[in-house]
Amino acid sequence: MQDSRVEVSQYVLVAVIHHHGDHATCGHYTCHVESSRSTTGRSCLEGKWYNVNDQHVDEIACPYVDRTPVRGPQA
């Protein structure tokens, strides 16, 4: 008999990696990263975000994040 309970997990976004190019094996990667995380889950309002591009690091406005809950596979 299979367990029908669903586990719920919550994650806090701290970085987003961007690939610029036609293939994963070639191109360029940059990253948006948050400098610190909040324990309240309101990280965009409390932490600072940066764009990391090779040796260049620039502070940016909080990137748009779709906070719509996503359900895992249903058994």
N, C-alpha and C. Protein backbone atom coordinates (compact mmCIF):
# COMPACT_ATOMS: atom_id res chain seq x y z
N MET A 1 0.84 -1.17 0.00
CA MET A 1 0.00 0.00 0.00
C MET A 1 0.89 1.24 0.00
N GLN A 2 0.56 2.19 -0.83
CA GLN A 2 1.38 3.39 -0.98
C GLN A 2 0.89 4.50 -0.05
N ASP A 3 1.84 5.23 0.57
CA ASP A 3 1.52 6.33 1.47
C ASP A 3 0.99 7.50 0.65
N SER A 4 -0.19 8.03 0.97
CA SER A 4 -0.79 9.10 0.18
C SER A 4 -0.47 10.49 0.73
N ARG A 5 0.31 10.58 1.80
CA ARG A 5 0.67 11.90 2.34
C ARG A 5 1.64 12.61 1.41
N VAL A 6 1.53 13.93 1.36
CA VAL A 6 2.41 14.74 0.52
C VAL A 6 3.30 15.56 1.43
N GLU A 7 4.61 15.48 1.22
CA GLU A 7 5.54 16.31 1.99
C GLU A 7 5.67 17.66 1.32
N VAL A 8 5.72 18.71 2.12
CA VAL A 8 5.87 20.06 1.61
C VAL A 8 7.22 20.58 2.07
N SER A 9 8.01 21.10 1.15
CA SER A 9 9.31 21.69 1.46
C SER A 9 9.31 23.13 1.03
N GLN A 10 10.05 23.97 1.75
CA GLN A 10 10.15 25.38 1.39
C GLN A 10 11.61 25.71 1.20
N TYR A 11 11.91 26.41 0.11
CA TYR A 11 13.27 26.79 -0.22
C TYR A 11 13.34 28.31 -0.35
N VAL A 12 14.50 28.87 -0.11
CA VAL A 12 14.71 30.30 -0.27
C VAL A 12 15.70 30.49 -1.41
N LEU A 13 15.31 31.28 -2.40
CA LEU A 13 16.16 31.54 -3.55
C LEU A 13 17.32 32.45 -3.14
N VAL A 14 18.55 32.02 -3.40
CA VAL A 14 19.72 32.84 -3.05
C VAL A 14 20.59 33.15 -4.26
N ALA A 15 20.35 32.48 -5.40
CA ALA A 15 21.14 32.75 -6.60
C ALA A 15 20.42 32.23 -7.84
N VAL A 16 20.70 32.89 -8.97
CA VAL A 16 20.17 32.47 -10.27
C VAL A 16 21.32 32.51 -11.25
N ILE A 17 21.56 31.41 -11.94
CA ILE A 17 22.64 31.34 -12.94
C ILE A 17 22.03 31.55 -14.32
N HIS A 18 22.68 32.40 -15.11
CA HIS A 18 22.23 32.70 -16.47
C HIS A 18 23.29 32.22 -17.46
N HIS A 19 22.84 31.54 -18.51
CA HIS A 19 23.74 31.13 -19.59
C HIS A 19 23.45 31.99 -20.81
N HIS A 20 24.49 32.55 -21.40
CA HIS A 20 24.39 33.37 -22.61
C HIS A 20 25.14 32.64 -23.71
N GLY A 21 24.43 32.09 -24.67
CA GLY A 21 25.07 31.37 -25.76
C GLY A 21 24.13 30.35 -26.36
N ASP A 22 24.60 29.69 -27.41
CA ASP A 22 23.77 28.73 -28.14
C ASP A 22 23.77 27.34 -27.53
N HIS A 23 24.83 26.96 -26.82
CA HIS A 23 24.96 25.62 -26.26
C HIS A 23 25.57 25.70 -24.87
N ALA A 24 25.28 24.71 -24.04
CA ALA A 24 25.82 24.69 -22.67
C ALA A 24 27.33 24.55 -22.67
N THR A 25 27.89 23.98 -23.74
CA THR A 25 29.34 23.77 -23.79
C THR A 25 30.10 25.00 -24.28
N CYS A 26 29.39 25.99 -24.77
CA CYS A 26 30.05 27.22 -25.18
C CYS A 26 29.15 28.39 -24.84
N GLY A 27 29.73 29.52 -24.63
CA GLY A 27 28.96 30.70 -24.25
C GLY A 27 29.55 31.31 -22.99
N HIS A 28 28.71 31.97 -22.23
CA HIS A 28 29.18 32.70 -21.06
C HIS A 28 28.14 32.57 -19.95
N TYR A 29 28.59 32.41 -18.72
CA TYR A 29 27.70 32.31 -17.58
C TYR A 29 27.84 33.55 -16.70
N THR A 30 26.70 34.06 -16.22
CA THR A 30 26.69 35.12 -15.21
C THR A 30 25.76 34.65 -14.10
N CYS A 31 25.75 35.38 -12.99
CA CYS A 31 24.94 34.96 -11.86
C CYS A 31 24.39 36.16 -11.11
N HIS A 32 23.13 36.06 -10.67
CA HIS A 32 22.56 37.01 -9.72
C HIS A 32 22.60 36.29 -8.37
N VAL A 33 23.17 36.93 -7.37
CA VAL A 33 23.32 36.29 -6.07
C VAL A 33 22.97 37.27 -4.95
N GLU A 34 22.34 36.74 -3.92
CA GLU A 34 21.97 37.57 -2.78
C GLU A 34 23.09 37.54 -1.75
N SER A 35 23.38 38.70 -1.16
CA SER A 35 24.50 38.79 -0.21
C SER A 35 24.18 38.19 1.14
N SER A 36 22.92 38.23 1.56
CA SER A 36 22.56 37.64 2.85
C SER A 36 21.11 37.22 2.79
N ARG A 37 20.79 36.22 3.59
CA ARG A 37 19.43 35.71 3.63
C ARG A 37 18.75 36.13 4.91
N SER A 38 17.47 36.36 4.81
CA SER A 38 16.65 36.72 5.96
C SER A 38 15.99 35.47 6.52
N THR A 39 15.77 35.44 7.81
CA THR A 39 15.05 34.32 8.41
C THR A 39 13.55 34.49 8.26
N THR A 40 13.09 35.65 7.78
CA THR A 40 11.66 35.89 7.62
C THR A 40 11.14 35.42 6.27
N GLY A 41 12.04 35.02 5.36
CA GLY A 41 11.62 34.62 4.03
C GLY A 41 11.38 35.79 3.09
N ARG A 42 11.66 37.00 3.53
CA ARG A 42 11.47 38.20 2.70
C ARG A 42 12.83 38.68 2.21
N SER A 43 13.60 37.79 1.63
CA SER A 43 14.98 38.09 1.29
C SER A 43 15.14 39.26 0.32
N CYS A 44 14.24 39.39 -0.65
CA CYS A 44 14.38 40.49 -1.62
C CYS A 44 14.23 41.85 -0.94
N LEU A 45 13.49 41.90 0.13
CA LEU A 45 13.28 43.17 0.80
C LEU A 45 14.40 43.48 1.79
N GLU A 46 15.17 42.48 2.20
CA GLU A 46 16.14 42.68 3.25
C GLU A 46 17.59 42.48 2.83
N GLY A 47 17.83 41.64 1.81
CA GLY A 47 19.19 41.39 1.36
C GLY A 47 19.52 42.23 0.14
N LYS A 48 20.80 42.29 -0.20
CA LYS A 48 21.22 43.00 -1.42
C LYS A 48 21.55 41.95 -2.48
N TRP A 49 21.18 42.26 -3.73
CA TRP A 49 21.44 41.37 -4.85
C TRP A 49 22.55 41.94 -5.71
N TYR A 50 23.36 41.04 -6.30
CA TYR A 50 24.49 41.44 -7.12
C TYR A 50 24.49 40.64 -8.42
N ASN A 51 24.95 41.27 -9.49
CA ASN A 51 25.20 40.60 -10.75
C ASN A 51 26.70 40.30 -10.80
N VAL A 52 27.04 39.02 -10.94
CA VAL A 52 28.44 38.60 -10.99
C VAL A 52 28.75 38.20 -12.43
N ASN A 53 29.71 38.89 -13.04
CA ASN A 53 30.09 38.67 -14.43
C ASN A 53 31.60 38.71 -14.50
N ASP A 54 32.21 37.51 -14.44
CA ASP A 54 33.67 37.40 -14.36
C ASP A 54 34.16 38.19 -13.16
N GLN A 55 35.07 39.12 -13.36
CA GLN A 55 35.61 39.89 -12.24
C GLN A 55 34.76 41.11 -11.89
N HIS A 56 33.68 41.35 -12.62
CA HIS A 56 32.81 42.50 -12.36
C HIS A 56 31.63 42.09 -11.48
N VAL A 57 31.45 42.81 -10.38
CA VAL A 57 30.34 42.57 -9.47
C VAL A 57 29.63 43.90 -9.26
N ASP A 58 28.33 43.94 -9.62
CA ASP A 58 27.55 45.17 -9.51
C ASP A 58 26.29 44.91 -8.70
N GLU A 59 25.95 45.84 -7.80
CA GLU A 59 24.69 45.73 -7.07
C GLU A 59 23.54 46.00 -8.04
N ILE A 60 22.46 45.21 -7.92
CA ILE A 60 21.30 45.36 -8.79
C ILE A 60 20.04 45.42 -7.93
N ALA A 61 18.94 45.86 -8.55
CA ALA A 61 17.64 45.80 -7.88
C ALA A 61 17.25 44.34 -7.73
N CYS A 62 16.40 44.06 -6.80
CA CYS A 62 15.93 42.69 -6.58
C CYS A 62 15.33 42.15 -7.87
N PRO A 63 15.85 41.02 -8.39
CA PRO A 63 15.28 40.47 -9.61
C PRO A 63 13.88 39.95 -9.38
N TYR A 64 13.06 39.97 -10.45
CA TYR A 64 11.70 39.43 -10.35
C TYR A 64 11.78 37.94 -10.09
N VAL A 65 11.02 37.48 -9.12
CA VAL A 65 10.98 36.06 -8.80
C VAL A 65 9.52 35.64 -8.77
N ASP A 66 9.17 34.64 -9.56
CA ASP A 66 7.81 34.10 -9.53
C ASP A 66 7.68 33.23 -8.28
N ARG A 67 6.89 33.66 -7.34
CA ARG A 67 6.76 32.95 -6.07
C ARG A 67 5.54 32.03 -6.04
N THR A 68 5.03 31.65 -7.21
CA THR A 68 3.91 30.74 -7.28
C THR A 68 4.35 29.36 -6.78
N PRO A 69 3.64 28.79 -5.80
CA PRO A 69 4.03 27.45 -5.32
C PRO A 69 3.96 26.43 -6.43
N VAL A 70 4.91 25.51 -6.43
CA VAL A 70 4.95 24.45 -7.44
C VAL A 70 4.79 23.12 -6.71
N ARG A 71 3.85 22.32 -7.17
CA ARG A 71 3.62 21.01 -6.56
C ARG A 71 4.48 19.97 -7.26
N GLY A 72 4.99 19.05 -6.48
CA GLY A 72 5.77 17.95 -7.03
C GLY A 72 4.86 16.94 -7.71
N PRO A 73 5.44 15.87 -8.22
CA PRO A 73 4.65 14.85 -8.90
C PRO A 73 3.63 14.23 -7.94
N GLN A 74 2.45 13.99 -8.44
CA GLN A 74 1.41 13.36 -7.65
C GLN A 74 1.48 11.85 -7.84
N ALA A 75 1.50 11.13 -6.73
CA ALA A 75 1.59 9.66 -6.82
C ALA A 75 0.22 9.03 -6.96
